[in-house]
Amino acid sequence: MIKIFGVILCAFSIIVFCGSALTGQEIS
């Protein structure tokens, strides 16, 4: 159960990071 939560948290972090990077490039 904890491992599944960790994987979801990791995936969510990657999505947020990529989204922020793309948004930053668009603003730039």
PDB file of N, CA and C in Angstrom:
ATOM      1  N   MET A   1       0.847  -1.195   0.000  1.00  0.00           N
ATOM      2  CA  MET A   1       0.000   0.000   0.000  1.00  0.00           C
ATOM      3  C   MET A   1       0.885   1.249   0.000  1.00  0.00           C
ATOM      4  N   ILE A   2       1.899   1.258   0.849  1.00  0.00           N
ATOM      5  CA  ILE A   2       2.789   2.423   0.907  1.00  0.00           C
ATOM      6  C   ILE A   2       3.556   2.564  -0.407  1.00  0.00           C
ATOM      7  N   LYS A   3       3.973   1.419  -0.992  1.00  0.00           N
ATOM      8  CA  LYS A   3       4.714   1.469  -2.256  1.00  0.00           C
ATOM      9  C   LYS A   3       3.852   2.080  -3.356  1.00  0.00           C
ATOM     10  N   ILE A   4       2.584   1.688  -3.415  1.00  0.00           N
ATOM     11  CA  ILE A   4       1.675   2.226  -4.432  1.00  0.00           C
ATOM     12  C   ILE A   4       1.543   3.736  -4.254  1.00  0.00           C
ATOM     13  N   PHE A   5       1.390   4.165  -3.006  1.00  0.00           N
ATOM     14  CA  PHE A   5       1.260   5.603  -2.731  1.00  0.00           C
ATOM     15  C   PHE A   5       2.529   6.337  -3.161  1.00  0.00           C
ATOM     16  N   GLY A   6       3.667   5.707  -2.942  1.00  0.00           N
ATOM     17  CA  GLY A   6       4.941   6.319  -3.323  1.00  0.00           C
ATOM     18  C   GLY A   6       5.041   6.483  -4.832  1.00  0.00           C
ATOM     19  N   VAL A   7       4.609   5.452  -5.572  1.00  0.00           N
ATOM     20  CA  VAL A   7       4.663   5.516  -7.040  1.00  0.00           C
ATOM     21  C   VAL A   7       3.751   6.623  -7.549  1.00  0.00           C
ATOM     22  N   ILE A   8       2.546   6.711  -6.974  1.00  0.00           N
ATOM     23  CA  ILE A   8       1.605   7.760  -7.389  1.00  0.00           C
ATOM     24  C   ILE A   8       2.193   9.133  -7.077  1.00  0.00           C
ATOM     25  N   LEU A   9       2.789   9.276  -5.906  1.00  0.00           N
ATOM     26  CA  LEU A   9       3.365  10.560  -5.520  1.00  0.00           C
ATOM     27  C   LEU A   9       4.503  10.931  -6.462  1.00  0.00           C
ATOM     28  N   CYS A  10       5.323   9.944  -6.827  1.00  0.00           N
ATOM     29  CA  CYS A  10       6.444  10.192  -7.734  1.00  0.00           C
ATOM     30  C   CYS A  10       5.931  10.629  -9.096  1.00  0.00           C
ATOM     31  N   ALA A  11       4.939   9.906  -9.620  1.00  0.00           N
ATOM     32  CA  ALA A  11       4.378  10.239 -10.933  1.00  0.00           C
ATOM     33  C   ALA A  11       3.767  11.638 -10.900  1.00  0.00           C
ATOM     34  N   PHE A  12       3.053  11.952  -9.822  1.00  0.00           N
ATOM     35  CA  PHE A  12       2.419  13.267  -9.693  1.00  0.00           C
ATOM     36  C   PHE A  12       3.481  14.367  -9.683  1.00  0.00           C
ATOM     37  N   SER A  13       4.589  14.115  -8.982  1.00  0.00           N
ATOM     38  CA  SER A  13       5.656  15.111  -8.914  1.00  0.00           C
ATOM     39  C   SER A  13       6.241  15.363 -10.297  1.00  0.00           C
ATOM     40  N   ILE A  14       6.430  14.273 -11.079  1.00  0.00           N
ATOM     41  CA  ILE A  14       6.986  14.411 -12.429  1.00  0.00           C
ATOM     42  C   ILE A  14       6.036  15.219 -13.303  1.00  0.00           C
ATOM     43  N   ILE A  15       4.736  14.930 -13.212  1.00  0.00           N
ATOM     44  CA  ILE A  15       3.746  15.646 -14.026  1.00  0.00           C
ATOM     45  C   ILE A  15       3.754  17.129 -13.672  1.00  0.00           C
ATOM     46  N   VAL A  16       3.787  17.436 -12.376  1.00  0.00           N
ATOM     47  CA  VAL A  16       3.786  18.838 -11.947  1.00  0.00           C
ATOM     48  C   VAL A  16       5.057  19.534 -12.431  1.00  0.00           C
ATOM     49  N   PHE A  17       6.199  18.841 -12.311  1.00  0.00           N
ATOM     50  CA  PHE A  17       7.473  19.426 -12.727  1.00  0.00           C
ATOM     51  C   PHE A  17       7.470  19.695 -14.225  1.00  0.00           C
ATOM     52  N   CYS A  18       7.026  18.727 -15.024  1.00  0.00           N
ATOM     53  CA  CYS A  18       6.980  18.900 -16.486  1.00  0.00           C
ATOM     54  C   CYS A  18       6.012  20.016 -16.845  1.00  0.00           C
ATOM     55  N   GLY A  19       4.869  20.064 -16.175  1.00  0.00           N
ATOM     56  CA  GLY A  19       3.883  21.103 -16.460  1.00  0.00           C
ATOM     57  C   GLY A  19       4.460  22.479 -16.164  1.00  0.00           C
ATOM     58  N   SER A  20       5.185  22.610 -15.070  1.00  0.00           N
ATOM     59  CA  SER A  20       5.770  23.896 -14.710  1.00  0.00           C
ATOM     60  C   SER A  20       6.838  24.284 -15.728  1.00  0.00           C
ATOM     61  N   ALA A  21       7.617  23.302 -16.189  1.00  0.00           N
ATOM     62  CA  ALA A  21       8.675  23.573 -17.162  1.00  0.00           C
ATOM     63  C   ALA A  21       8.067  24.053 -18.472  1.00  0.00           C
ATOM     64  N   LEU A  22       7.015  23.380 -18.932  1.00  0.00           N
ATOM     65  CA  LEU A  22       6.370  23.771 -20.189  1.00  0.00           C
ATOM     66  C   LEU A  22       5.768  25.164 -20.053  1.00  0.00           C
ATOM     67  N   THR A  23       5.124  25.433 -18.925  1.00  0.00           N
ATOM     68  CA  THR A  23       4.509  26.740 -18.706  1.00  0.00           C
ATOM     69  C   THR A  23       5.589  27.819 -18.688  1.00  0.00           C
ATOM     70  N   GLY A  24       6.714  27.528 -18.069  1.00  0.00           N
ATOM     71  CA  GLY A  24       7.804  28.497 -18.002  1.00  0.00           C
ATOM     72  C   GLY A  24       8.345  28.806 -19.389  1.00  0.00           C
ATOM     73  N   GLN A  25       8.459  27.775 -20.236  1.00  0.00           N
ATOM     74  CA  GLN A  25       8.959  27.985 -21.593  1.00  0.00           C
ATOM     75  C   GLN A  25       7.977  28.833 -22.388  1.00  0.00           C
ATOM     76  N   GLU A  26       6.680  28.581 -22.203  1.00  0.00           N
ATOM     77  CA  GLU A  26       5.671  29.343 -22.941  1.00  0.00           C
ATOM     78  C   GLU A  26       5.715  30.815 -22.526  1.00  0.00           C
ATOM     79  N   ILE A  27       5.868  31.070 -21.218  1.00  0.00           N
ATOM     80  CA  ILE A  27       5.927  32.449 -20.731  1.00  0.00           C
ATOM     81  C   ILE A  27       7.196  33.126 -21.258  1.00  0.00           C
ATOM     82  N   SER A  28       8.301  32.395 -21.281  1.00  0.00           N
ATOM     83  CA  SER A  28       9.557  32.944 -21.771  1.00  0.00           C
ATOM     84  C   SER A  28       9.452  33.193 -23.276  1.00  0.00           C
TER      85      SER A  28
END
